[in-house]
PDB file of N, CA and C in Angstrom:
ATOM      1  N   MET A   1      10.744 -39.412 -14.947  1.00  0.00           N
ATOM      2  CA  MET A   1      11.146 -38.211 -15.656  1.00  0.00           C
ATOM      3  C   MET A   1      10.146 -37.096 -15.351  1.00  0.00           C
ATOM      4  N   VAL A   2      10.641 -35.886 -15.199  1.00  0.00           N
ATOM      5  CA  VAL A   2       9.812 -34.713 -14.960  1.00  0.00           C
ATOM      6  C   VAL A   2      10.165 -33.681 -16.014  1.00  0.00           C
ATOM      7  N   LYS A   3       9.130 -33.071 -16.637  1.00  0.00           N
ATOM      8  CA  LYS A   3       9.337 -32.036 -17.655  1.00  0.00           C
ATOM      9  C   LYS A   3       8.483 -30.833 -17.304  1.00  0.00           C
ATOM     10  N   PHE A   4       8.945 -29.653 -17.729  1.00  0.00           N
ATOM     11  CA  PHE A   4       8.117 -28.462 -17.563  1.00  0.00           C
ATOM     12  C   PHE A   4       6.819 -28.629 -18.341  1.00  0.00           C
ATOM     13  N   ASN A   5       5.726 -28.087 -17.783  1.00  0.00           N
ATOM     14  CA  ASN A   5       4.435 -28.146 -18.443  1.00  0.00           C
ATOM     15  C   ASN A   5       3.921 -26.750 -18.756  1.00  0.00           C
ATOM     16  N   HIS A   6       3.699 -25.932 -17.716  1.00  0.00           N
ATOM     17  CA  HIS A   6       3.209 -24.580 -17.945  1.00  0.00           C
ATOM     18  C   HIS A   6       3.572 -23.672 -16.780  1.00  0.00           C
ATOM     19  N   PHE A   7       3.390 -22.388 -16.995  1.00  0.00           N
ATOM     20  CA  PHE A   7       3.589 -21.364 -15.981  1.00  0.00           C
ATOM     21  C   PHE A   7       2.319 -20.530 -15.978  1.00  0.00           C
ATOM     22  N   ASN A   8       1.927 -19.991 -14.818  1.00  0.00           N
ATOM     23  CA  ASN A   8       0.663 -19.270 -14.696  1.00  0.00           C
ATOM     24  C   ASN A   8       0.860 -17.797 -14.384  1.00  0.00           C
ATOM     25  N   PHE A   9       0.067 -16.953 -15.046  1.00  0.00           N
ATOM     26  CA  PHE A   9      -0.108 -15.550 -14.678  1.00  0.00           C
ATOM     27  C   PHE A   9      -1.597 -15.326 -14.462  1.00  0.00           C
ATOM     28  N   ASN A  10      -1.980 -14.717 -13.349  1.00  0.00           N
ATOM     29  CA  ASN A  10      -3.362 -14.308 -13.111  1.00  0.00           C
ATOM     30  C   ASN A  10      -3.539 -12.929 -13.726  1.00  0.00           C
ATOM     31  N   ILE A  11      -4.597 -12.755 -14.492  1.00  0.00           N
ATOM     32  CA  ILE A  11      -4.778 -11.516 -15.250  1.00  0.00           C
ATOM     33  C   ILE A  11      -6.164 -10.930 -14.997  1.00  0.00           C
ATOM     34  N   LEU A  12      -6.293  -9.610 -15.205  1.00  0.00           N
ATOM     35  CA  LEU A  12      -7.580  -8.941 -14.987  1.00  0.00           C
ATOM     36  C   LEU A  12      -8.436  -8.862 -16.241  1.00  0.00           C
ATOM     37  N   ASP A  13      -7.827  -8.601 -17.381  1.00  0.00           N
ATOM     38  CA  ASP A  13      -8.570  -8.397 -18.630  1.00  0.00           C
ATOM     39  C   ASP A  13      -8.074  -9.412 -19.653  1.00  0.00           C
ATOM     40  N   LEU A  14      -8.850 -10.460 -19.855  1.00  0.00           N
ATOM     41  CA  LEU A  14      -8.432 -11.560 -20.722  1.00  0.00           C
ATOM     42  C   LEU A  14      -8.197 -11.095 -22.153  1.00  0.00           C
ATOM     43  N   ASP A  15      -9.110 -10.323 -22.713  1.00  0.00           N
ATOM     44  CA  ASP A  15      -8.950  -9.871 -24.100  1.00  0.00           C
ATOM     45  C   ASP A  15      -7.699  -9.022 -24.274  1.00  0.00           C
ATOM     46  N   LYS A  16      -7.458  -8.130 -23.331  1.00  0.00           N
ATOM     47  CA  LYS A  16      -6.277  -7.265 -23.386  1.00  0.00           C
ATOM     48  C   LYS A  16      -4.999  -8.101 -23.308  1.00  0.00           C
ATOM     49  N   SER A  17      -4.987  -9.085 -22.431  1.00  0.00           N
ATOM     50  CA  SER A  17      -3.814  -9.950 -22.284  1.00  0.00           C
ATOM     51  C   SER A  17      -3.593 -10.813 -23.518  1.00  0.00           C
ATOM     52  N   LEU A  18      -4.667 -11.387 -24.055  1.00  0.00           N
ATOM     53  CA  LEU A  18      -4.530 -12.207 -25.266  1.00  0.00           C
ATOM     54  C   LEU A  18      -3.970 -11.382 -26.413  1.00  0.00           C
ATOM     55  N   ASP A  19      -4.455 -10.156 -26.556  1.00  0.00           N
ATOM     56  CA  ASP A  19      -3.965  -9.267 -27.605  1.00  0.00           C
ATOM     57  C   ASP A  19      -2.484  -8.948 -27.389  1.00  0.00           C
ATOM     58  N   PHE A  20      -2.098  -8.624 -26.166  1.00  0.00           N
ATOM     59  CA  PHE A  20      -0.701  -8.308 -25.861  1.00  0.00           C
ATOM     60  C   PHE A  20       0.213  -9.483 -26.190  1.00  0.00           C
ATOM     61  N   TYR A  21      -0.105 -10.670 -25.701  1.00  0.00           N
ATOM     62  CA  TYR A  21       0.781 -11.817 -25.897  1.00  0.00           C
ATOM     63  C   TYR A  21       0.874 -12.235 -27.365  1.00  0.00           C
ATOM     64  N   ASP A  22      -0.191 -12.028 -28.107  1.00  0.00           N
ATOM     65  CA  ASP A  22      -0.150 -12.298 -29.542  1.00  0.00           C
ATOM     66  C   ASP A  22       0.760 -11.289 -30.243  1.00  0.00           C
ATOM     67  N   LYS A  23       0.524  -9.996 -29.997  1.00  0.00           N
ATOM     68  CA  LYS A  23       1.303  -8.950 -30.667  1.00  0.00           C
ATOM     69  C   LYS A  23       2.763  -8.926 -30.230  1.00  0.00           C
ATOM     70  N   ALA A  24       3.015  -9.036 -28.934  1.00  0.00           N
ATOM     71  CA  ALA A  24       4.373  -8.897 -28.408  1.00  0.00           C
ATOM     72  C   ALA A  24       5.236 -10.133 -28.634  1.00  0.00           C
ATOM     73  N   LEU A  25       4.631 -11.331 -28.534  1.00  0.00           N
ATOM     74  CA  LEU A  25       5.426 -12.555 -28.556  1.00  0.00           C
ATOM     75  C   LEU A  25       4.919 -13.625 -29.519  1.00  0.00           C
ATOM     76  N   GLY A  26       3.808 -13.365 -30.182  1.00  0.00           N
ATOM     77  CA  GLY A  26       3.274 -14.354 -31.120  1.00  0.00           C
ATOM     78  C   GLY A  26       2.671 -15.575 -30.452  1.00  0.00           C
ATOM     79  N   LEU A  27       2.306 -15.457 -29.174  1.00  0.00           N
ATOM     80  CA  LEU A  27       1.710 -16.589 -28.468  1.00  0.00           C
ATOM     81  C   LEU A  27       0.230 -16.686 -28.803  1.00  0.00           C
ATOM     82  N   LYS A  28      -0.218 -17.909 -29.044  1.00  0.00           N
ATOM     83  CA  LYS A  28      -1.607 -18.165 -29.432  1.00  0.00           C
ATOM     84  C   LYS A  28      -2.251 -19.162 -28.466  1.00  0.00           C
ATOM     85  N   PRO A  29      -3.558 -19.035 -28.258  1.00  0.00           N
ATOM     86  CA  PRO A  29      -4.250 -20.027 -27.426  1.00  0.00           C
ATOM     87  C   PRO A  29      -4.143 -21.423 -28.034  1.00  0.00           C
ATOM     88  N   VAL A  30      -3.808 -22.398 -27.190  1.00  0.00           N
ATOM     89  CA  VAL A  30      -3.729 -23.788 -27.638  1.00  0.00           C
ATOM     90  C   VAL A  30      -4.801 -24.650 -26.980  1.00  0.00           C
ATOM     91  N   ARG A  31      -5.302 -24.193 -25.835  1.00  0.00           N
ATOM     92  CA  ARG A  31      -6.439 -24.865 -25.189  1.00  0.00           C
ATOM     93  C   ARG A  31      -6.983 -23.952 -24.115  1.00  0.00           C
ATOM     94  N   GLU A  32      -8.193 -24.233 -23.675  1.00  0.00           N
ATOM     95  CA  GLU A  32      -8.782 -23.444 -22.601  1.00  0.00           C
ATOM     96  C   GLU A  32      -9.718 -24.301 -21.780  1.00  0.00           C
ATOM     97  N   HIS A  33      -9.993 -23.797 -20.594  1.00  0.00           N
ATOM     98  CA  HIS A  33     -10.932 -24.458 -19.686  1.00  0.00           C
ATOM     99  C   HIS A  33     -11.822 -23.385 -19.090  1.00  0.00           C
ATOM    100  N   ASN A  34     -13.122 -23.592 -19.185  1.00  0.00           N
ATOM    101  CA  ASN A  34     -14.104 -22.667 -18.617  1.00  0.00           C
ATOM    102  C   ASN A  34     -14.784 -23.330 -17.432  1.00  0.00           C
ATOM    103  N   ALA A  35     -14.864 -22.618 -16.319  1.00  0.00           N
ATOM    104  CA  ALA A  35     -15.580 -23.138 -15.155  1.00  0.00           C
ATOM    105  C   ALA A  35     -17.048 -23.309 -15.509  1.00  0.00           C
ATOM    106  N   ALA A  36     -17.650 -24.373 -15.044  1.00  0.00           N
ATOM    107  CA  ALA A  36     -19.055 -24.634 -15.332  1.00  0.00           C
ATOM    108  C   ALA A  36     -19.950 -23.484 -14.887  1.00  0.00           C
ATOM    109  N   ASP A  37     -19.577 -22.829 -13.799  1.00  0.00           N
ATOM    110  CA  ASP A  37     -20.397 -21.723 -13.290  1.00  0.00           C
ATOM    111  C   ASP A  37     -19.966 -20.358 -13.842  1.00  0.00           C
ATOM    112  N   GLY A  38     -18.995 -20.347 -14.734  1.00  0.00           N
ATOM    113  CA  GLY A  38     -18.540 -19.098 -15.343  1.00  0.00           C
ATOM    114  C   GLY A  38     -17.658 -18.237 -14.453  1.00  0.00           C
ATOM    115  N   SER A  39     -17.221 -18.765 -13.322  1.00  0.00           N
ATOM    116  CA  SER A  39     -16.459 -17.968 -12.364  1.00  0.00           C
ATOM    117  C   SER A  39     -15.001 -17.746 -12.762  1.00  0.00           C
ATOM    118  N   PHE A  40     -14.469 -18.595 -13.627  1.00  0.00           N
ATOM    119  CA  PHE A  40     -13.101 -18.418 -14.077  1.00  0.00           C
ATOM    120  C   PHE A  40     -12.900 -19.040 -15.449  1.00  0.00           C
ATOM    121  N   LYS A  41     -11.805 -18.634 -16.079  1.00  0.00           N
ATOM    122  CA  LYS A  41     -11.428 -19.189 -17.375  1.00  0.00           C
ATOM    123  C   LYS A  41      -9.913 -19.305 -17.403  1.00  0.00           C
ATOM    124  N   LEU A  42      -9.430 -20.431 -17.891  1.00  0.00           N
ATOM    125  CA  LEU A  42      -8.004 -20.665 -18.079  1.00  0.00           C
ATOM    126  C   LEU A  42      -7.735 -20.726 -19.580  1.00  0.00           C
ATOM    127  N   VAL A  43      -6.775 -19.952 -20.040  1.00  0.00           N
ATOM    128  CA  VAL A  43      -6.372 -20.003 -21.448  1.00  0.00           C
ATOM    129  C   VAL A  43      -4.879 -20.287 -21.476  1.00  0.00           C
ATOM    130  N   TYR A  44      -4.502 -21.338 -22.176  1.00  0.00           N
ATOM    131  CA  TYR A  44      -3.103 -21.740 -22.291  1.00  0.00           C
ATOM    132  C   TYR A  44      -2.571 -21.241 -23.628  1.00  0.00           C
ATOM    133  N   LEU A  45      -1.447 -20.504 -23.574  1.00  0.00           N
ATOM    134  CA  LEU A  45      -0.844 -19.951 -24.776  1.00  0.00           C
ATOM    135  C   LEU A  45       0.411 -20.735 -25.127  1.00  0.00           C
ATOM    136  N   GLY A  46       0.593 -20.982 -26.418  1.00  0.00           N
ATOM    137  CA  GLY A  46       1.776 -21.693 -26.882  1.00  0.00           C
ATOM    138  C   GLY A  46       2.531 -20.886 -27.914  1.00  0.00           C
ATOM    139  N   ASP A  47       3.809 -21.243 -28.076  1.00  0.00           N
ATOM    140  CA  ASP A  47       4.648 -20.546 -29.043  1.00  0.00           C
ATOM    141  C   ASP A  47       4.686 -21.239 -30.407  1.00  0.00           C
ATOM    142  N   GLY A  48       4.061 -22.399 -30.521  1.00  0.00           N
ATOM    143  CA  GLY A  48       4.043 -23.128 -31.783  1.00  0.00           C
ATOM    144  C   GLY A  48       5.288 -23.960 -32.032  1.00  0.00           C
ATOM    145  N   PHE A  49       6.258 -23.918 -31.109  1.00  0.00           N
ATOM    146  CA  PHE A  49       7.511 -24.651 -31.284  1.00  0.00           C
ATOM    147  C   PHE A  49       7.780 -25.641 -30.163  1.00  0.00           C
ATOM    148  N   SER A  50       7.418 -25.260 -28.937  1.00  0.00           N
ATOM    149  CA  SER A  50       7.685 -26.127 -27.788  1.00  0.00           C
ATOM    150  C   SER A  50       6.360 -26.563 -27.165  1.00  0.00           C
ATOM    151  N   ASP A  51       6.454 -27.489 -26.225  1.00  0.00           N
ATOM    152  CA  ASP A  51       5.260 -27.956 -25.513  1.00  0.00           C
ATOM    153  C   ASP A  51       4.916 -27.069 -24.326  1.00  0.00           C
ATOM    154  N   PHE A  52       5.829 -26.184 -23.933  1.00  0.00           N
ATOM    155  CA  PHE A  52       5.630 -25.323 -22.781  1.00  0.00           C
ATOM    156  C   PHE A  52       4.524 -24.317 -23.071  1.00  0.00           C
ATOM    157  N   THR A  53       3.662 -24.065 -22.077  1.00  0.00           N
ATOM    158  CA  THR A  53       2.579 -23.098 -22.258  1.00  0.00           C
ATOM    159  C   THR A  53       2.548 -22.101 -21.108  1.00  0.00           C
ATOM    160  N   LEU A  54       1.978 -20.946 -21.406  1.00  0.00           N
ATOM    161  CA  LEU A  54       1.708 -19.926 -20.397  1.00  0.00           C
ATOM    162  C   LEU A  54       0.212 -19.970 -20.133  1.00  0.00           C
ATOM    163  N   GLU A  55      -0.153 -20.234 -18.895  1.00  0.00           N
ATOM    164  CA  GLU A  55      -1.563 -20.286 -18.501  1.00  0.00           C
ATOM    165  C   GLU A  55      -1.981 -18.908 -18.007  1.00  0.00           C
ATOM    166  N   LEU A  56      -2.990 -18.346 -18.643  1.00  0.00           N
ATOM    167  CA  LEU A  56      -3.589 -17.102 -18.168  1.00  0.00           C
ATOM    168  C   LEU A  56      -4.852 -17.466 -17.416  1.00  0.00           C
ATOM    169  N   THR A  57      -4.936 -17.041 -16.162  1.00  0.00           N
ATOM    170  CA  THR A  57      -6.104 -17.319 -15.339  1.00  0.00           C
ATOM    171  C   THR A  57      -6.895 -16.030 -15.156  1.00  0.00           C
ATOM    172  N   TRP A  58      -8.136 -16.053 -15.611  1.00  0.00           N
ATOM    173  CA  TRP A  58      -9.046 -14.917 -15.474  1.00  0.00           C
ATOM    174  C   TRP A  58     -10.154 -15.310 -14.502  1.00  0.00           C
ATOM    175  N   LEU A  59     -10.326 -14.488 -13.460  1.00  0.00           N
ATOM    176  CA  LEU A  59     -11.390 -14.701 -12.470  1.00  0.00           C
ATOM    177  C   LEU A  59     -12.476 -13.661 -12.688  1.00  0.00           C
ATOM    178  N   LYS A  60     -13.696 -14.111 -12.901  1.00  0.00           N
ATOM    179  CA  LYS A  60     -14.822 -13.231 -13.239  1.00  0.00           C
ATOM    180  C   LYS A  60     -15.014 -12.090 -12.245  1.00  0.00           C
ATOM    181  N   ASP A  61     -14.945 -12.372 -10.968  1.00  0.00           N
ATOM    182  CA  ASP A  61     -15.251 -11.366  -9.954  1.00  0.00           C
ATOM    183  C   ASP A  61     -14.043 -10.554  -9.491  1.00  0.00           C
ATOM    184  N   ARG A  62     -12.880 -10.794 -10.065  1.00  0.00           N
ATOM    185  CA  ARG A  62     -11.670 -10.074  -9.651  1.00  0.00           C
ATOM    186  C   ARG A  62     -11.653  -8.682 -10.284  1.00  0.00           C
ATOM    187  N   THR A  63     -11.514  -7.656  -9.452  1.00  0.00           N
ATOM    188  CA  THR A  63     -11.447  -6.284  -9.959  1.00  0.00           C
ATOM    189  C   THR A  63     -10.172  -5.567  -9.520  1.00  0.00           C
ATOM    190  N   GLU A  64      -9.526  -6.062  -8.484  1.00  0.00           N
ATOM    191  CA  GLU A  64      -8.314  -5.436  -7.957  1.00  0.00           C
ATOM    192  C   GLU A  64      -7.076  -5.992  -8.664  1.00  0.00           C
ATOM    193  N   PRO A  65      -6.127  -5.112  -8.994  1.00  0.00           N
ATOM    194  CA  PRO A  65      -4.870  -5.610  -9.579  1.00  0.00           C
ATOM    195  C   PRO A  65      -4.187  -6.589  -8.629  1.00  0.00           C
ATOM    196  N   TYR A  66      -3.461  -7.534  -9.182  1.00  0.00           N
ATOM    197  CA  TYR A  66      -2.731  -8.511  -8.385  1.00  0.00           C
ATOM    198  C   TYR A  66      -1.494  -7.864  -7.786  1.00  0.00           C
ATOM    199  N   ASN A  67      -1.169  -8.223  -6.559  1.00  0.00           N
ATOM    200  CA  ASN A  67       0.042  -7.738  -5.908  1.00  0.00           C
ATOM    201  C   ASN A  67       1.197  -8.620  -6.357  1.00  0.00           C
ATOM    202  N   LEU A  68       2.073  -8.065  -7.169  1.00  0.00           N
ATOM    203  CA  LEU A  68       3.188  -8.835  -7.708  1.00  0.00           C
ATOM    204  C   LEU A  68       4.453  -8.683  -6.871  1.00  0.00           C
ATOM    205  N   GLY A  69       4.316  -8.091  -5.689  1.00  0.00           N
ATOM    206  CA  GLY A  69       5.474  -7.912  -4.821  1.00  0.00           C
ATOM    207  C   GLY A  69       6.504  -7.031  -5.502  1.00  0.00           C
ATOM    208  N   GLU A  70       7.731  -7.428  -5.427  1.00  0.00           N
ATOM    209  CA  GLU A  70       8.809  -6.659  -6.051  1.00  0.00           C
ATOM    210  C   GLU A  70       9.135  -7.177  -7.442  1.00  0.00           C
ATOM    211  N   CYS A  71       8.286  -8.040  -7.966  1.00  0.00           N
ATOM    212  CA  CYS A  71       8.446  -8.583  -9.323  1.00  0.00           C
ATOM    213  C   CYS A  71       9.822  -9.243  -9.488  1.00  0.00           C
ATOM    214  N   GLU A  72      10.233  -9.975  -8.475  1.00  0.00           N
ATOM    215  CA  GLU A  72      11.530 -10.655  -8.530  1.00  0.00           C
ATOM    216  C   GLU A  72      11.431 -12.016  -9.229  1.00  0.00           C
ATOM    217  N   PHE A  73      10.392 -12.210  -9.987  1.00  0.00           N
ATOM    218  CA  PHE A  73      10.232 -13.416 -10.786  1.00  0.00           C
ATOM    219  C   PHE A  73       9.926 -12.964 -12.207  1.00  0.00           C
ATOM    220  N   HIS A  74      10.175 -13.810 -13.157  1.00  0.00           N
ATOM    221  CA  HIS A  74       9.858 -13.468 -14.535  1.00  0.00           C
ATOM    222  C   HIS A  74       9.865 -14.715 -15.403  1.00  0.00           C
ATOM    223  N   LEU A  75       9.288 -14.572 -16.549  1.00  0.00           N
ATOM    224  CA  LEU A  75       9.296 -15.578 -17.594  1.00  0.00           C
ATOM    225  C   LEU A  75      10.287 -15.090 -18.632  1.00  0.00           C
ATOM    226  N   ALA A  76      11.016 -15.975 -19.276  1.00  0.00           N
ATOM    227  CA  ALA A  76      12.019 -15.558 -20.259  1.00  0.00           C
ATOM    228  C   ALA A  76      11.797 -16.259 -21.599  1.00  0.00           C
ATOM    229  N   PHE A  77      12.054 -15.510 -22.660  1.00  0.00           N
ATOM    230  CA  PHE A  77      12.003 -16.024 -24.032  1.00  0.00           C
ATOM    231  C   PHE A  77      13.320 -15.696 -24.711  1.00  0.00           C
ATOM    232  N   HIS A  78      13.775 -16.595 -25.577  1.00  0.00           N
ATOM    233  CA  HIS A  78      14.927 -16.237 -26.398  1.00  0.00           C
ATOM    234  C   HIS A  78      14.451 -16.095 -27.836  1.00  0.00           C
ATOM    235  N   THR A  79      15.177 -15.273 -28.582  1.00  0.00           N
ATOM    236  CA  THR A  79      14.784 -14.966 -29.950  1.00  0.00           C
ATOM    237  C   THR A  79      15.981 -15.014 -30.880  1.00  0.00           C
ATOM    238  N   ASP A  80      15.735 -15.420 -32.113  1.00  0.00           N
ATOM    239  CA  ASP A  80      16.806 -15.435 -33.109  1.00  0.00           C
ATOM    240  C   ASP A  80      16.883 -14.113 -33.876  1.00  0.00           C
ATOM    241  N   ASP A  81      15.971 -13.179 -33.587  1.00  0.00           N
ATOM    242  CA  ASP A  81      16.005 -11.858 -34.229  1.00  0.00           C
ATOM    243  C   ASP A  81      15.815 -10.784 -33.162  1.00  0.00           C
ATOM    244  N   TYR A  82      16.807 -10.662 -32.313  1.00  0.00           N
ATOM    245  CA  TYR A  82      16.774  -9.774 -31.161  1.00  0.00           C
ATOM    246  C   TYR A  82      16.502  -8.322 -31.554  1.00  0.00           C
ATOM    247  N   GLU A  83      17.201  -7.826 -32.573  1.00  0.00           N
ATOM    248  CA  GLU A  83      17.046  -6.429 -32.974  1.00  0.00           C
ATOM    249  C   GLU A  83      15.618  -6.127 -33.425  1.00  0.00           C
ATOM    250  N   ALA A  84      15.047  -7.013 -34.218  1.00  0.00           N
ATOM    251  CA  ALA A  84      13.690  -6.790 -34.739  1.00  0.00           C
ATOM    252  C   ALA A  84      12.648  -6.807 -33.623  1.00  0.00           C
ATOM    253  N   ILE A  85      12.758  -7.761 -32.708  1.00  0.00           N
ATOM    254  CA  ILE A  85      11.747  -7.823 -31.645  1.00  0.00           C
ATOM    255  C   ILE A  85      11.942  -6.677 -30.649  1.00  0.00           C
ATOM    256  N   HIS A  86      13.200  -6.263 -30.436  1.00  0.00           N
ATOM    257  CA  HIS A  86      13.451  -5.109 -29.575  1.00  0.00           C
ATOM    258  C   HIS A  86      12.790  -3.867 -30.161  1.00  0.00           C
ATOM    259  N   LYS A  87      12.938  -3.671 -31.462  1.00  0.00           N
ATOM    260  CA  LYS A  87      12.314  -2.524 -32.135  1.00  0.00           C
ATOM    261  C   LYS A  87      10.786  -2.590 -31.996  1.00  0.00           C
ATOM    262  N   LYS A  88      10.234  -3.776 -32.189  1.00  0.00           N
ATOM    263  CA  LYS A  88       8.781  -3.966 -32.054  1.00  0.00           C
ATOM    264  C   LYS A  88       8.312  -3.604 -30.650  1.00  0.00           C
ATOM    265  N   HIS A  89       9.043  -4.074 -29.642  1.00  0.00           N
ATOM    266  CA  HIS A  89       8.668  -3.794 -28.256  1.00  0.00           C
ATOM    267  C   HIS A  89       8.844  -2.313 -27.917  1.00  0.00           C
ATOM    268  N   GLN A  90       9.844  -1.664 -28.509  1.00  0.00           N
ATOM    269  CA  GLN A  90       9.986  -0.214 -28.326  1.00  0.00           C
ATOM    270  C   GLN A  90       8.763   0.501 -28.887  1.00  0.00           C
ATOM    271  N   GLU A  91       8.341   0.095 -30.085  1.00  0.00           N
ATOM    272  CA  GLU A  91       7.171   0.715 -30.721  1.00  0.00           C
ATOM    273  C   GLU A  91       5.902   0.466 -29.913  1.00  0.00           C
ATOM    274  N   MET A  92       5.798  -0.697 -29.274  1.00  0.00           N
ATOM    275  CA  MET A  92       4.642  -1.023 -28.438  1.00  0.00           C
ATOM    276  C   MET A  92       4.691  -0.285 -27.097  1.00  0.00           C
ATOM    277  N   GLY A  93       5.867   0.212 -26.728  1.00  0.00           N
ATOM    278  CA  GLY A  93       6.022   0.913 -25.458  1.00  0.00           C
ATOM    279  C   GLY A  93       5.969   0.003 -24.249  1.00  0.00           C
ATOM    280  N   CYS A  94       6.356  -1.262 -24.410  1.00  0.00           N
ATOM    281  CA  CYS A  94       6.230  -2.207 -23.303  1.00  0.00           C
ATOM    282  C   CYS A  94       7.567  -2.574 -22.659  1.00  0.00           C
ATOM    283  N   ILE A  95       8.674  -1.987 -23.113  1.00  0.00           N
ATOM    284  CA  ILE A  95       9.964  -2.265 -22.480  1.00  0.00           C
ATOM    285  C   ILE A  95       9.999  -1.548 -21.134  1.00  0.00           C
ATOM    286  N   CYS A  96      10.290  -2.306 -20.068  1.00  0.00           N
ATOM    287  CA  CYS A  96      10.304  -1.724 -18.727  1.00  0.00           C
ATOM    288  C   CYS A  96      11.698  -1.673 -18.124  1.00  0.00           C
ATOM    289  N   PHE A  97      12.630  -2.434 -18.671  1.00  0.00           N
ATOM    290  CA  PHE A  97      14.001  -2.410 -18.159  1.00  0.00           C
ATOM    291  C   PHE A  97      14.935  -2.972 -19.215  1.00  0.00           C
ATOM    292  N   GLU A  98      16.075  -2.318 -19.380  1.00  0.00           N
ATOM    293  CA  GLU A  98      17.090  -2.808 -20.315  1.00  0.00           C
ATOM    294  C   GLU A  98      18.420  -2.947 -19.593  1.00  0.00           C
ATOM    295  N   ASN A  99      19.161  -3.987 -19.938  1.00  0.00           N
ATOM    296  CA  ASN A  99      20.504  -4.190 -19.413  1.00  0.00           C
ATOM    297  C   ASN A  99      21.424  -4.454 -20.603  1.00  0.00           C
ATOM    298  N   PRO A 100      21.879  -3.381 -21.267  1.00  0.00           N
ATOM    299  CA  PRO A 100      22.732  -3.548 -22.446  1.00  0.00           C
ATOM    300  C   PRO A 100      24.017  -4.324 -22.159  1.00  0.00           C
ATOM    301  N   ALA A 101      24.577  -4.182 -20.955  1.00  0.00           N
ATOM    302  CA  ALA A 101      25.809  -4.896 -20.616  1.00  0.00           C
ATOM    303  C   ALA A 101      25.610  -6.408 -20.677  1.00  0.00           C
ATOM    304  N   MET A 102      24.414  -6.862 -20.316  1.00  0.00           N
ATOM    305  CA  MET A 102      24.112  -8.295 -20.380  1.00  0.00           C
ATOM    306  C   MET A 102      23.471  -8.675 -21.708  1.00  0.00           C
ATOM    307  N   GLY A 103      23.065  -7.669 -22.498  1.00  0.00           N
ATOM    308  CA  GLY A 103      22.442  -7.946 -23.790  1.00  0.00           C
ATOM    309  C   GLY A 103      21.019  -8.454 -23.676  1.00  0.00           C
ATOM    310  N   ILE A 104      20.290  -8.015 -22.644  1.00  0.00           N
ATOM    311  CA  ILE A 104      18.914  -8.458 -22.417  1.00  0.00           C
ATOM    312  C   ILE A 104      18.041  -7.251 -22.117  1.00  0.00           C
ATOM    313  N   TYR A 105      16.731  -7.473 -22.177  1.00  0.00           N
ATOM    314  CA  TYR A 105      15.780  -6.467 -21.717  1.00  0.00           C
ATOM    315  C   TYR A 105      14.513  -7.170 -21.261  1.00  0.00           C
ATOM    316  N   PHE A 106      13.644  -6.397 -20.610  1.00  0.00           N
ATOM    317  CA  PHE A 106      12.388  -6.931 -20.095  1.00  0.00           C
ATOM    318  C   PHE A 106      11.228  -6.115 -20.653  1.00  0.00           C
ATOM    319  N   ILE A 107      10.129  -6.792 -20.923  1.00  0.00           N
ATOM    320  CA  ILE A 107       8.874  -6.130 -21.259  1.00  0.00           C
ATOM    321  C   ILE A 107       7.899  -6.396 -20.117  1.00  0.00           C
ATOM    322  N   SER A 108       6.890  -5.556 -20.023  1.00  0.00           N
ATOM    323  CA  SER A 108       5.875  -5.709 -18.983  1.00  0.00           C
ATOM    324  C   SER A 108       4.524  -5.915 -19.650  1.00  0.00           C
ATOM    325  N   ASP A 109       3.785  -6.921 -19.182  1.00  0.00           N
ATOM    326  CA  ASP A 109       2.471  -7.194 -19.757  1.00  0.00           C
ATOM    327  C   ASP A 109       1.420  -6.271 -19.129  1.00  0.00           C
ATOM    328  N   PRO A 110       0.159  -6.339 -19.566  1.00  0.00           N
ATOM    329  CA  PRO A 110      -0.873  -5.439 -19.038  1.00  0.00           C
ATOM    330  C   PRO A 110      -1.086  -5.521 -17.528  1.00  0.00           C
ATOM    331  N   ASP A 111      -0.703  -6.626 -16.906  1.00  0.00           N
ATOM    332  CA  ASP A 111      -0.876  -6.776 -15.458  1.00  0.00           C
ATOM    333  C   ASP A 111       0.408  -6.510 -14.684  1.00  0.00           C
ATOM    334  N   GLY A 112       1.473  -6.141 -15.376  1.00  0.00           N
ATOM    335  CA  GLY A 112       2.724  -5.814 -14.706  1.00  0.00           C
ATOM    336  C   GLY A 112       3.720  -6.946 -14.583  1.00  0.00           C
ATOM    337  N   TYR A 113       3.426  -8.112 -15.167  1.00  0.00           N
ATOM    338  CA  TYR A 113       4.389  -9.210 -15.135  1.00  0.00           C
ATOM    339  C   TYR A 113       5.552  -8.878 -16.069  1.00  0.00           C
ATOM    340  N   TRP A 114       6.766  -9.177 -15.626  1.00  0.00           N
ATOM    341  CA  TRP A 114       7.960  -8.932 -16.426  1.00  0.00           C
ATOM    342  C   TRP A 114       8.311 -10.164 -17.236  1.00  0.00           C
ATOM    343  N   ILE A 115       8.707  -9.933 -18.476  1.00  0.00           N
ATOM    344  CA  ILE A 115       9.106 -10.997 -19.388  1.00  0.00           C
ATOM    345  C   ILE A 115      10.468 -10.624 -19.968  1.00  0.00           C
ATOM    346  N   GLU A 116      11.443 -11.483 -19.774  1.00  0.00           N
ATOM    347  CA  GLU A 116      12.811 -11.235 -20.243  1.00  0.00           C
ATOM    348  C   GLU A 116      12.955 -11.682 -21.690  1.00  0.00           C
ATOM    349  N   ILE A 117      13.639 -10.860 -22.463  1.00  0.00           N
ATOM    350  CA  ILE A 117      13.949 -11.199 -23.844  1.00  0.00           C
ATOM    351  C   ILE A 117      15.470 -11.364 -23.945  1.00  0.00           C
ATOM    352  N   VAL A 118      15.876 -12.534 -24.396  1.00  0.00           N
ATOM    353  CA  VAL A 118      17.287 -12.922 -24.459  1.00  0.00           C
ATOM    354  C   VAL A 118      17.628 -13.295 -25.904  1.00  0.00           C
ATOM    355  N   PRO A 119      18.774 -12.806 -26.414  1.00  0.00           N
ATOM    356  CA  PRO A 119      19.146 -13.236 -27.756  1.00  0.00           C
ATOM    357  C   PRO A 119      19.519 -14.718 -27.749  1.00  0.00           C
ATOM    358  N   GLU A 120      19.207 -15.390 -28.852  1.00  0.00           N
ATOM    359  CA  GLU A 120      19.557 -16.798 -28.978  1.00  0.00           C
ATOM    360  C   GLU A 120      21.064 -16.934 -29.021  1.00  0.00           C
ATOM    361  N   LYS A 121      21.571 -17.915 -28.308  1.00  0.00           N
ATOM    362  CA  LYS A 121      23.024 -18.153 -28.295  1.00  0.00           C
ATOM    363  C   LYS A 121      23.456 -18.661 -29.656  1.00  0.00           C
ATOM    364  N   LYS A 122      24.599 -18.197 -30.067  1.00  0.00           N
ATOM    365  CA  LYS A 122      25.111 -18.618 -31.385  1.00  0.00           C
ATOM    366  C   LYS A 122      26.285 -19.531 -31.213  1.00  0.00           C
TER     367      LYS A 122
END
């Protein structure tokens, strides 16, 4: 049997990213790993409901933004309160694309990664 474990985003500012993911999606650190030499840190964020985690990788010496190409990849979350979270994301100014015909939208994190927000199926 094979199950999903985690997905990784490389980030430039760990504190900024942790704050964003907490405020925007309620994700909290569930574990972390620090390199013995301090060169990198991995922080795994969880939603408190599933075992799936988002791994944030911070490299101490990295100063250049990551090249995300055309951003043709994304992470997706579904929500049981689409209207409320949409309003929250509007207030945060992090919505980067909306597709009302499909009933979805995307937010962008501090490093430019796109995250899809999907209403929970009823």
